Amino acid sequence: MDKDAQKMWRAALRFSAVGLELGIAVAIGYAGGWYLDWQFGTKPYLSVVGLLFGVAAGGLTLVRVARELQQLDKSEGENGDEEG
């Protein structure tokens, strides 16, 4: 397998995990809030706060991956200019 194909597959695998990371972040945030609600009897307030923290963490993951993709596109563009 040539180097470009390996790079493409590596990027595809990396970016395909974004949905899983987003779901896990939201689930962990909600579960943490639910546990704190259970401990302190504040149902449903801390569950909502935990859910919002999970969504924010997932959003940060999306931003990070988008930046990685942007850098990957930029580096491919620069490499293509050098070859041509």
Protein backbone atom coordinates (compact mmCIF):
# COMPACT_ATOMS: atom_id res chain seq x y z
CA MET A 1 0.00 0.00 0.00
CA ASP A 2 1.45 3.35 -0.99
CA LYS A 3 2.04 6.18 1.44
CA ASP A 4 -0.91 8.31 0.26
CA ALA A 5 -3.35 5.43 0.71
CA GLN A 6 -2.05 4.76 4.21
CA LYS A 7 -2.45 8.44 5.07
CA MET A 8 -6.00 8.43 3.71
CA TRP A 9 -7.01 5.33 5.68
CA ARG A 10 -5.45 6.68 8.87
CA ALA A 11 -7.39 9.94 8.49
CA ALA A 12 -10.62 8.07 7.70
CA LEU A 13 -10.30 5.92 10.81
CA ARG A 14 -9.50 8.94 12.95
CA PHE A 15 -12.48 10.95 11.78
CA SER A 16 -14.89 8.03 11.86
CA ALA A 17 -14.49 7.86 15.64
CA VAL A 18 -15.88 11.38 16.14
CA GLY A 19 -19.48 10.21 16.55
CA LEU A 20 -18.46 7.67 19.14
CA GLU A 21 -16.43 10.24 21.07
CA LEU A 22 -19.35 12.69 21.02
CA GLY A 23 -21.78 10.07 22.29
CA ILE A 24 -19.45 8.92 25.03
CA ALA A 25 -18.81 12.49 26.21
CA VAL A 26 -22.54 13.19 26.47
CA ALA A 27 -23.21 9.87 28.23
CA ILE A 28 -20.43 10.40 30.78
CA GLY A 29 -21.60 13.96 31.50
CA TYR A 30 -25.18 12.85 32.01
CA ALA A 31 -24.20 9.81 34.11
CA GLY A 32 -22.05 11.98 36.34
CA GLY A 33 -24.87 14.46 36.83
CA TRP A 34 -27.36 11.65 37.49
CA TYR A 35 -25.04 10.17 40.12
CA LEU A 36 -24.66 13.54 41.84
CA ASP A 37 -28.43 14.00 41.74
CA TRP A 38 -28.81 10.61 43.38
CA GLN A 39 -26.26 11.52 46.07
CA PHE A 40 -27.61 14.97 46.90
CA GLY A 41 -31.30 14.61 46.05
CA THR A 42 -31.27 17.50 43.56
CA LYS A 43 -32.99 15.63 40.74
CA PRO A 44 -32.97 16.70 37.79
CA TYR A 45 -30.75 19.78 38.07
CA LEU A 46 -27.32 18.19 38.19
CA SER A 47 -28.29 15.72 35.46
CA VAL A 48 -29.03 18.66 33.19
CA VAL A 49 -25.77 20.37 34.16
CA GLY A 50 -23.85 17.15 33.52
CA LEU A 51 -25.58 16.74 30.16
CA LEU A 52 -24.60 20.29 29.20
CA PHE A 53 -21.00 19.64 30.22
CA GLY A 54 -21.03 16.47 28.12
CA VAL A 55 -22.38 18.34 25.10
CA ALA A 56 -19.71 21.02 25.58
CA ALA A 57 -16.98 18.38 25.79
CA GLY A 58 -18.34 16.75 22.65
CA GLY A 59 -18.37 20.12 20.92
CA LEU A 60 -14.74 20.68 21.83
CA THR A 61 -13.96 17.28 20.33
CA LEU A 62 -15.70 18.30 17.10
CA VAL A 63 -13.71 21.55 16.98
CA ARG A 64 -10.43 19.69 17.57
CA VAL A 65 -11.16 17.17 14.83
CA ALA A 66 -12.25 19.91 12.42
CA ARG A 67 -8.93 21.68 13.02
CA GLU A 68 -7.05 18.43 12.39
CA LEU A 69 -8.95 17.97 9.13
CA GLN A 70 -8.22 21.56 8.13
CA GLN A 71 -4.51 21.08 8.80
CA LEU A 72 -4.53 17.81 6.87
CA ASP A 73 -6.16 19.52 3.87
CA LYS A 74 -3.70 22.39 4.11
CA SER A 75 -0.68 20.07 4.24
CA GLU A 76 -2.01 18.05 1.26
CA GLY A 77 -2.45 21.27 -0.69
CA GLU A 78 1.09 22.37 0.06
CA ASN A 79 2.49 18.97 -0.91
CA GLY A 80 0.51 18.99 -4.15
CA ASP A 81 1.93 22.41 -5.09
CA GLU A 82 5.49 21.18 -4.59
CA GLU A 83 5.00 18.17 -6.85
CA GLY A 84 3.37 20.16 -9.68
